[in-house]
N, C-alpha and C. Protein backbone atom coordinates (compact mmCIF):
# COMPACT_ATOMS: atom_id res chain seq x y z
N MET A 1 -11.53 11.07 12.13
CA MET A 1 -10.23 10.50 12.41
C MET A 1 -9.30 11.61 12.90
N ARG A 2 -8.55 11.31 13.95
CA ARG A 2 -7.57 12.26 14.48
C ARG A 2 -6.21 11.99 13.85
N VAL A 3 -5.62 13.07 13.34
CA VAL A 3 -4.34 12.98 12.65
C VAL A 3 -3.38 13.97 13.28
N ALA A 4 -2.16 13.54 13.53
CA ALA A 4 -1.13 14.42 14.08
C ALA A 4 -0.18 14.82 12.97
N VAL A 5 0.10 16.12 12.87
CA VAL A 5 1.14 16.59 11.96
C VAL A 5 2.33 16.98 12.83
N GLY A 6 3.48 16.45 12.50
CA GLY A 6 4.67 16.62 13.32
C GLY A 6 5.36 17.95 13.15
N SER A 7 4.67 19.02 13.52
CA SER A 7 5.23 20.36 13.42
C SER A 7 4.29 21.35 14.08
N GLY A 8 4.86 22.41 14.61
CA GLY A 8 4.06 23.51 15.12
C GLY A 8 3.84 24.59 14.07
N ASN A 9 4.40 24.40 12.88
CA ASN A 9 4.29 25.39 11.81
C ASN A 9 2.86 25.41 11.27
N PRO A 10 2.18 26.57 11.31
CA PRO A 10 0.79 26.64 10.85
C PRO A 10 0.61 26.30 9.37
N VAL A 11 1.63 26.53 8.56
CA VAL A 11 1.54 26.20 7.14
C VAL A 11 1.46 24.68 6.95
N LYS A 12 2.25 23.94 7.71
CA LYS A 12 2.23 22.48 7.59
C LYS A 12 0.90 21.90 8.08
N ARG A 13 0.36 22.48 9.13
CA ARG A 13 -0.95 22.02 9.61
C ARG A 13 -2.02 22.32 8.56
N ALA A 14 -2.01 23.52 8.00
CA ALA A 14 -3.01 23.89 6.99
C ALA A 14 -2.92 22.99 5.76
N ALA A 15 -1.70 22.67 5.33
CA ALA A 15 -1.52 21.79 4.17
C ALA A 15 -2.12 20.42 4.45
N THR A 16 -1.91 19.92 5.65
CA THR A 16 -2.45 18.61 6.03
C THR A 16 -3.98 18.66 6.10
N GLU A 17 -4.52 19.73 6.67
CA GLU A 17 -5.98 19.89 6.73
C GLU A 17 -6.59 19.92 5.34
N ARG A 18 -5.98 20.65 4.43
CA ARG A 18 -6.50 20.72 3.06
C ARG A 18 -6.48 19.36 2.38
N ALA A 19 -5.39 18.63 2.56
CA ALA A 19 -5.26 17.32 1.91
C ALA A 19 -6.26 16.31 2.46
N LEU A 20 -6.57 16.40 3.74
CA LEU A 20 -7.47 15.44 4.38
C LEU A 20 -8.94 15.79 4.21
N GLY A 21 -9.26 17.06 4.12
CA GLY A 21 -10.65 17.47 4.03
C GLY A 21 -11.27 17.66 5.40
N ASP A 22 -12.57 17.92 5.42
CA ASP A 22 -13.27 18.30 6.64
C ASP A 22 -13.61 17.14 7.58
N ASP A 23 -13.46 15.92 7.14
CA ASP A 23 -13.87 14.77 7.96
C ASP A 23 -12.83 14.36 9.00
N HIS A 24 -11.76 15.11 9.12
CA HIS A 24 -10.66 14.73 10.00
C HIS A 24 -10.29 15.87 10.93
N THR A 25 -9.75 15.52 12.08
CA THR A 25 -9.23 16.51 13.01
C THR A 25 -7.71 16.45 12.95
N VAL A 26 -7.10 17.57 12.61
CA VAL A 26 -5.64 17.64 12.51
C VAL A 26 -5.11 18.42 13.70
N VAL A 27 -4.17 17.81 14.41
CA VAL A 27 -3.56 18.42 15.58
C VAL A 27 -2.07 18.59 15.32
N ALA A 28 -1.57 19.79 15.60
CA ALA A 28 -0.13 20.05 15.47
C ALA A 28 0.59 19.49 16.69
N GLU A 29 1.57 18.64 16.45
CA GLU A 29 2.40 18.07 17.51
C GLU A 29 3.85 18.41 17.17
N PRO A 30 4.38 19.50 17.74
CA PRO A 30 5.77 19.86 17.44
C PRO A 30 6.73 18.75 17.88
N VAL A 31 7.46 18.21 16.93
CA VAL A 31 8.44 17.16 17.20
C VAL A 31 9.74 17.49 16.46
N ALA A 32 10.81 16.89 16.89
CA ALA A 32 12.10 17.08 16.22
C ALA A 32 12.14 16.25 14.94
N SER A 33 12.79 16.81 13.93
CA SER A 33 12.92 16.09 12.66
C SER A 33 14.04 15.06 12.70
N GLY A 34 15.01 15.27 13.57
CA GLY A 34 16.14 14.35 13.64
C GLY A 34 17.15 14.54 12.53
N VAL A 35 16.97 15.60 11.74
CA VAL A 35 17.92 15.92 10.67
C VAL A 35 18.37 17.37 10.86
N ALA A 36 19.28 17.81 10.03
CA ALA A 36 19.78 19.18 10.11
C ALA A 36 18.65 20.19 9.94
N GLU A 37 18.85 21.37 10.50
CA GLU A 37 17.86 22.45 10.37
C GLU A 37 17.59 22.73 8.89
N GLN A 38 18.63 22.63 8.06
CA GLN A 38 18.47 22.78 6.62
C GLN A 38 18.86 21.46 5.97
N PRO A 39 17.89 20.57 5.75
CA PRO A 39 18.23 19.29 5.12
C PRO A 39 18.81 19.50 3.72
N ARG A 40 19.82 18.69 3.42
CA ARG A 40 20.50 18.78 2.13
C ARG A 40 20.44 17.41 1.46
N GLY A 41 19.82 17.37 0.31
CA GLY A 41 19.67 16.12 -0.42
C GLY A 41 18.33 15.48 -0.15
N GLU A 42 17.90 14.66 -1.10
CA GLU A 42 16.60 13.99 -0.99
C GLU A 42 16.57 13.04 0.21
N ALA A 43 17.64 12.28 0.43
CA ALA A 43 17.64 11.28 1.51
C ALA A 43 17.44 11.92 2.88
N GLU A 44 18.14 13.02 3.14
CA GLU A 44 18.00 13.68 4.44
C GLU A 44 16.61 14.30 4.58
N THR A 45 16.09 14.87 3.51
CA THR A 45 14.77 15.49 3.55
C THR A 45 13.68 14.43 3.79
N VAL A 46 13.77 13.31 3.10
CA VAL A 46 12.82 12.21 3.30
C VAL A 46 12.92 11.67 4.73
N ALA A 47 14.14 11.53 5.24
CA ALA A 47 14.33 11.04 6.61
C ALA A 47 13.67 11.97 7.62
N GLY A 48 13.79 13.28 7.40
CA GLY A 48 13.15 14.25 8.29
C GLY A 48 11.64 14.11 8.28
N ALA A 49 11.06 13.93 7.09
CA ALA A 49 9.60 13.75 6.99
C ALA A 49 9.17 12.47 7.71
N ARG A 50 9.89 11.39 7.48
CA ARG A 50 9.56 10.11 8.13
C ARG A 50 9.67 10.22 9.65
N ASN A 51 10.76 10.82 10.13
CA ASN A 51 10.93 10.98 11.58
C ASN A 51 9.79 11.78 12.19
N ARG A 52 9.41 12.85 11.53
CA ARG A 52 8.32 13.69 12.04
C ARG A 52 7.00 12.90 12.09
N ALA A 53 6.73 12.13 11.03
CA ALA A 53 5.49 11.35 10.99
C ALA A 53 5.46 10.33 12.12
N GLU A 54 6.55 9.60 12.28
CA GLU A 54 6.60 8.56 13.32
C GLU A 54 6.51 9.16 14.72
N ARG A 55 7.19 10.27 14.94
CA ARG A 55 7.18 10.91 16.26
C ARG A 55 5.82 11.55 16.55
N ALA A 56 5.18 12.10 15.53
CA ALA A 56 3.85 12.68 15.72
C ALA A 56 2.85 11.59 16.11
N LEU A 57 2.89 10.47 15.39
CA LEU A 57 1.99 9.36 15.71
C LEU A 57 2.24 8.85 17.13
N ALA A 58 3.49 8.77 17.52
CA ALA A 58 3.86 8.25 18.84
C ALA A 58 3.44 9.18 19.98
N SER A 59 3.08 10.43 19.65
CA SER A 59 2.66 11.36 20.70
C SER A 59 1.31 10.95 21.29
N GLY A 60 0.62 10.00 20.64
CA GLY A 60 -0.53 9.34 21.25
C GLY A 60 -1.90 9.75 20.78
N GLY A 61 -2.78 8.75 20.62
CA GLY A 61 -4.18 9.01 20.34
C GLY A 61 -4.53 9.37 18.91
N TYR A 62 -3.68 9.03 17.96
CA TYR A 62 -3.91 9.41 16.56
C TYR A 62 -3.97 8.18 15.67
N ALA A 63 -4.77 8.28 14.62
CA ALA A 63 -4.85 7.21 13.63
C ALA A 63 -3.68 7.28 12.65
N LEU A 64 -3.24 8.50 12.35
CA LEU A 64 -2.14 8.71 11.41
C LEU A 64 -1.20 9.78 11.93
N GLY A 65 0.06 9.65 11.58
CA GLY A 65 1.05 10.69 11.81
C GLY A 65 1.53 11.20 10.46
N VAL A 66 1.63 12.51 10.33
CA VAL A 66 2.07 13.14 9.08
C VAL A 66 3.34 13.93 9.37
N GLY A 67 4.33 13.74 8.52
CA GLY A 67 5.56 14.52 8.62
C GLY A 67 5.83 15.23 7.32
N LEU A 68 6.21 16.48 7.43
CA LEU A 68 6.54 17.29 6.25
C LEU A 68 7.93 17.87 6.45
N GLU A 69 8.73 17.81 5.40
CA GLU A 69 10.09 18.35 5.49
C GLU A 69 10.45 18.99 4.17
N GLY A 70 11.01 20.20 4.25
CA GLY A 70 11.52 20.87 3.07
C GLY A 70 13.04 20.85 3.13
N GLY A 71 13.65 20.77 1.98
CA GLY A 71 15.10 20.76 1.92
C GLY A 71 15.58 21.32 0.60
N VAL A 72 16.86 21.16 0.37
CA VAL A 72 17.46 21.57 -0.90
C VAL A 72 18.22 20.36 -1.45
N ALA A 73 18.21 20.23 -2.77
CA ALA A 73 18.86 19.07 -3.37
C ALA A 73 19.26 19.38 -4.81
N ARG A 74 20.23 18.67 -5.27
CA ARG A 74 20.61 18.69 -6.67
C ARG A 74 19.75 17.66 -7.40
N VAL A 75 19.49 17.91 -8.67
CA VAL A 75 18.72 16.99 -9.50
C VAL A 75 19.63 16.52 -10.63
N GLU A 76 19.70 15.21 -10.79
CA GLU A 76 20.57 14.64 -11.81
C GLU A 76 20.25 15.22 -13.18
N SER A 77 21.26 15.61 -13.90
CA SER A 77 21.22 16.13 -15.28
C SER A 77 20.59 17.52 -15.41
N VAL A 78 20.35 18.20 -14.28
CA VAL A 78 19.83 19.57 -14.32
C VAL A 78 20.73 20.45 -13.47
N ASP A 79 21.16 21.57 -14.01
CA ASP A 79 22.02 22.48 -13.25
C ASP A 79 21.23 23.17 -12.15
N GLY A 80 21.92 23.48 -11.07
CA GLY A 80 21.34 24.29 -10.01
C GLY A 80 20.94 23.50 -8.78
N LEU A 81 20.57 24.26 -7.77
CA LEU A 81 20.10 23.71 -6.50
C LEU A 81 18.60 23.91 -6.43
N PHE A 82 17.88 22.89 -6.00
CA PHE A 82 16.42 22.93 -6.01
C PHE A 82 15.84 22.88 -4.60
N LEU A 83 14.74 23.59 -4.42
CA LEU A 83 13.89 23.43 -3.25
C LEU A 83 13.15 22.11 -3.44
N THR A 84 13.11 21.29 -2.41
CA THR A 84 12.40 20.02 -2.49
C THR A 84 11.53 19.86 -1.25
N MET A 85 10.41 19.18 -1.38
CA MET A 85 9.46 19.00 -0.28
C MET A 85 8.98 17.56 -0.26
N TRP A 86 8.98 16.97 0.94
CA TRP A 86 8.53 15.59 1.09
C TRP A 86 7.54 15.47 2.23
N ALA A 87 6.59 14.56 2.06
CA ALA A 87 5.64 14.20 3.12
C ALA A 87 5.76 12.71 3.37
N ALA A 88 5.58 12.34 4.62
CA ALA A 88 5.48 10.93 5.01
C ALA A 88 4.23 10.79 5.87
N VAL A 89 3.52 9.70 5.69
CA VAL A 89 2.33 9.40 6.50
C VAL A 89 2.49 7.97 7.03
N THR A 90 2.21 7.79 8.31
CA THR A 90 2.30 6.46 8.90
C THR A 90 1.09 6.17 9.79
N ASP A 91 0.72 4.90 9.80
CA ASP A 91 -0.31 4.42 10.73
C ASP A 91 0.33 3.55 11.81
N GLY A 92 1.64 3.51 11.83
CA GLY A 92 2.37 2.70 12.78
C GLY A 92 2.80 1.36 12.21
N GLY A 93 2.15 0.94 11.14
CA GLY A 93 2.49 -0.33 10.50
C GLY A 93 3.26 -0.15 9.21
N ARG A 94 3.01 0.95 8.56
CA ARG A 94 3.70 1.25 7.30
C ARG A 94 3.87 2.75 7.16
N VAL A 95 4.77 3.14 6.28
CA VAL A 95 5.02 4.55 5.98
C VAL A 95 4.88 4.72 4.48
N GLU A 96 4.13 5.74 4.07
CA GLU A 96 3.98 6.07 2.65
C GLU A 96 4.51 7.48 2.43
N TYR A 97 4.93 7.77 1.18
CA TYR A 97 5.60 9.04 0.88
C TYR A 97 4.95 9.75 -0.30
N GLY A 98 5.06 11.07 -0.28
CA GLY A 98 4.64 11.90 -1.40
C GLY A 98 5.59 13.08 -1.50
N ALA A 99 5.79 13.57 -2.71
CA ALA A 99 6.70 14.70 -2.92
C ALA A 99 5.95 15.90 -3.47
N GLY A 100 6.41 17.07 -3.11
CA GLY A 100 5.87 18.30 -3.66
C GLY A 100 6.69 18.71 -4.88
N PRO A 101 6.37 19.86 -5.44
CA PRO A 101 7.12 20.33 -6.60
C PRO A 101 8.56 20.67 -6.24
N ARG A 102 9.41 20.65 -7.23
CA ARG A 102 10.79 21.08 -7.06
C ARG A 102 10.97 22.37 -7.84
N LEU A 103 11.57 23.34 -7.19
CA LEU A 103 11.77 24.64 -7.82
C LEU A 103 13.25 25.01 -7.75
N ARG A 104 13.80 25.40 -8.89
CA ARG A 104 15.22 25.78 -8.90
C ARG A 104 15.39 27.11 -8.19
N LEU A 105 16.37 27.14 -7.29
CA LEU A 105 16.65 28.35 -6.54
C LEU A 105 17.50 29.30 -7.37
N PRO A 106 17.22 30.60 -7.29
CA PRO A 106 18.08 31.56 -7.98
C PRO A 106 19.52 31.41 -7.48
N GLU A 107 20.46 31.67 -8.36
CA GLU A 107 21.87 31.47 -8.03
C GLU A 107 22.29 32.21 -6.77
N ARG A 108 21.82 33.44 -6.59
CA ARG A 108 22.21 34.22 -5.41
C ARG A 108 21.72 33.57 -4.12
N VAL A 109 20.58 32.91 -4.17
CA VAL A 109 20.05 32.19 -3.01
C VAL A 109 20.78 30.86 -2.85
N ALA A 110 20.93 30.13 -3.95
CA ALA A 110 21.60 28.82 -3.91
C ALA A 110 23.02 28.93 -3.37
N ASN A 111 23.74 29.96 -3.80
CA ASN A 111 25.13 30.13 -3.34
C ASN A 111 25.19 30.28 -1.83
N ARG A 112 24.31 31.08 -1.26
CA ARG A 112 24.30 31.29 0.20
C ARG A 112 23.94 30.00 0.93
N VAL A 113 22.96 29.27 0.41
CA VAL A 113 22.55 28.02 1.04
C VAL A 113 23.69 27.00 0.97
N GLU A 114 24.37 26.95 -0.16
CA GLU A 114 25.49 26.01 -0.30
C GLU A 114 26.66 26.38 0.61
N GLU A 115 26.74 27.64 1.01
CA GLU A 115 27.77 28.08 1.96
C GLU A 115 27.40 27.70 3.39
N GLY A 116 26.18 27.18 3.59
CA GLY A 116 25.78 26.72 4.92
C GLY A 116 24.61 27.45 5.53
N ALA A 117 24.09 28.49 4.88
CA ALA A 117 22.96 29.24 5.43
C ALA A 117 21.66 28.45 5.25
N GLU A 118 20.68 28.75 6.09
CA GLU A 118 19.37 28.12 6.00
C GLU A 118 18.52 28.89 4.98
N LEU A 119 17.73 28.17 4.20
CA LEU A 119 16.95 28.77 3.11
C LEU A 119 16.01 29.88 3.58
N GLY A 120 15.25 29.66 4.65
CA GLY A 120 14.26 30.65 5.10
C GLY A 120 14.86 32.03 5.32
N PRO A 121 15.88 32.15 6.17
CA PRO A 121 16.49 33.46 6.40
C PRO A 121 17.14 34.05 5.14
N VAL A 122 17.68 33.20 4.28
CA VAL A 122 18.26 33.69 3.03
C VAL A 122 17.17 34.29 2.15
N MET A 123 16.02 33.62 2.08
CA MET A 123 14.90 34.15 1.29
C MET A 123 14.41 35.47 1.89
N ASP A 124 14.30 35.53 3.21
CA ASP A 124 13.89 36.78 3.88
C ASP A 124 14.79 37.93 3.45
N GLU A 125 16.09 37.69 3.52
CA GLU A 125 17.07 38.74 3.20
C GLU A 125 17.09 39.06 1.71
N ALA A 126 17.11 38.04 0.87
CA ALA A 126 17.22 38.25 -0.57
C ALA A 126 16.01 38.99 -1.15
N TYR A 127 14.84 38.78 -0.55
CA TYR A 127 13.62 39.38 -1.08
C TYR A 127 13.03 40.44 -0.15
N ASP A 128 13.81 40.85 0.85
CA ASP A 128 13.41 41.89 1.80
C ASP A 128 12.02 41.60 2.38
N MET A 129 11.88 40.40 2.95
CA MET A 129 10.62 39.95 3.53
C MET A 129 10.88 39.43 4.93
N GLU A 130 9.80 39.10 5.65
CA GLU A 130 9.92 38.52 6.99
C GLU A 130 9.14 37.22 7.06
N ASN A 131 9.75 36.21 7.67
CA ASN A 131 9.10 34.92 7.91
C ASN A 131 8.52 34.27 6.66
N VAL A 132 9.28 34.28 5.59
CA VAL A 132 8.83 33.64 4.35
C VAL A 132 8.42 32.20 4.62
N ALA A 133 9.19 31.48 5.43
CA ALA A 133 8.94 30.06 5.67
C ALA A 133 7.59 29.79 6.33
N GLU A 134 7.08 30.74 7.10
CA GLU A 134 5.79 30.53 7.77
C GLU A 134 4.65 31.26 7.06
N ASN A 135 4.93 31.78 5.90
CA ASN A 135 3.90 32.44 5.11
C ASN A 135 3.81 31.80 3.73
N GLU A 136 4.16 32.52 2.68
CA GLU A 136 4.03 31.96 1.34
C GLU A 136 5.11 30.96 1.00
N GLY A 137 6.19 30.95 1.79
CA GLY A 137 7.29 30.03 1.55
C GLY A 137 8.09 30.41 0.33
N ALA A 138 9.20 29.74 0.16
CA ALA A 138 10.04 29.98 -1.02
C ALA A 138 9.24 29.70 -2.29
N ALA A 139 8.34 28.70 -2.24
CA ALA A 139 7.53 28.37 -3.41
C ALA A 139 6.68 29.57 -3.84
N GLY A 140 6.10 30.27 -2.89
CA GLY A 140 5.30 31.45 -3.21
C GLY A 140 6.12 32.58 -3.79
N VAL A 141 7.27 32.81 -3.19
CA VAL A 141 8.14 33.89 -3.67
C VAL A 141 8.66 33.56 -5.07
N LEU A 142 9.13 32.34 -5.27
CA LEU A 142 9.75 31.96 -6.54
C LEU A 142 8.75 31.86 -7.69
N THR A 143 7.47 31.70 -7.38
CA THR A 143 6.44 31.63 -8.44
C THR A 143 5.58 32.89 -8.49
N SER A 144 6.02 33.93 -7.82
CA SER A 144 5.27 35.19 -7.76
C SER A 144 3.82 34.95 -7.32
N GLY A 145 3.64 34.07 -6.35
CA GLY A 145 2.33 33.84 -5.78
C GLY A 145 1.44 32.87 -6.54
N ARG A 146 1.92 32.32 -7.64
CA ARG A 146 1.10 31.37 -8.39
C ARG A 146 0.94 30.05 -7.65
N MET A 147 1.85 29.80 -6.72
CA MET A 147 1.79 28.63 -5.84
C MET A 147 2.35 29.12 -4.51
N ASP A 148 1.81 28.64 -3.42
CA ASP A 148 2.41 28.99 -2.14
C ASP A 148 2.84 27.72 -1.42
N ARG A 149 3.49 27.88 -0.29
CA ARG A 149 4.03 26.73 0.43
C ARG A 149 2.91 25.79 0.87
N THR A 150 1.79 26.35 1.28
CA THR A 150 0.68 25.50 1.73
C THR A 150 0.20 24.59 0.61
N SER A 151 -0.03 25.14 -0.58
CA SER A 151 -0.52 24.30 -1.68
C SER A 151 0.53 23.30 -2.14
N ALA A 152 1.80 23.70 -2.14
CA ALA A 152 2.87 22.78 -2.53
C ALA A 152 2.94 21.60 -1.56
N LEU A 153 2.88 21.89 -0.26
CA LEU A 153 2.92 20.83 0.74
C LEU A 153 1.65 19.98 0.72
N GLU A 154 0.53 20.60 0.41
CA GLU A 154 -0.74 19.86 0.31
C GLU A 154 -0.62 18.72 -0.70
N HIS A 155 0.01 18.99 -1.84
CA HIS A 155 0.17 17.96 -2.87
C HIS A 155 1.06 16.82 -2.37
N ALA A 156 2.09 17.17 -1.63
CA ALA A 156 2.96 16.12 -1.06
C ALA A 156 2.17 15.25 -0.09
N VAL A 157 1.38 15.87 0.78
CA VAL A 157 0.58 15.11 1.75
C VAL A 157 -0.44 14.24 1.02
N ALA A 158 -1.10 14.78 0.02
CA ALA A 158 -2.10 14.01 -0.72
C ALA A 158 -1.47 12.77 -1.35
N GLY A 159 -0.27 12.91 -1.88
CA GLY A 159 0.43 11.76 -2.47
C GLY A 159 0.74 10.69 -1.44
N ALA A 160 1.16 11.11 -0.26
CA ALA A 160 1.49 10.16 0.80
C ALA A 160 0.24 9.53 1.41
N LEU A 161 -0.86 10.26 1.43
CA LEU A 161 -2.12 9.76 2.01
C LEU A 161 -2.82 8.74 1.14
N GLY A 162 -2.64 8.85 -0.16
CA GLY A 162 -3.37 8.01 -1.11
C GLY A 162 -3.50 6.55 -0.71
N PRO A 163 -2.42 5.87 -0.38
CA PRO A 163 -2.52 4.45 -0.04
C PRO A 163 -3.34 4.15 1.22
N PHE A 164 -3.57 5.16 2.06
CA PHE A 164 -4.35 4.95 3.29
C PHE A 164 -5.85 5.17 3.08
N LEU A 165 -6.22 5.76 1.96
CA LEU A 165 -7.63 6.13 1.75
C LEU A 165 -8.40 5.06 0.99
């Protein structure tokens, strides 16, 4: 089965490949998310994932479209700003969703993001790294490598894929 992931980011493609297994061909189809570069809140993050999935599928010749979107959000009754990750999968008739883990951002990072900065560059600067978003991701940095962005996104994709399998 041919599956399109709505992103040119190699981490998102790898997460989708891991979730699907070897019986599928995953093709990266860079598409616009239709949301802010730094989604804020669960609704905007979910909308970005859905838009990517639908646009990837519409690029043609695929059985499924997968969209992945990371954002930041507040969680009811818990202090702080959290990293959040959502996946959407569509076959053109329905859309299913899965979420990745939520990780509380350190205050120094959260403050900068709340001032309007994008998480990736803030993480690069705060941890003196380069291209965190396309490597271990904030999830990898915040867990000291016990989880990386690929594995976190893989769980989101697996959750969204379940109803199609």
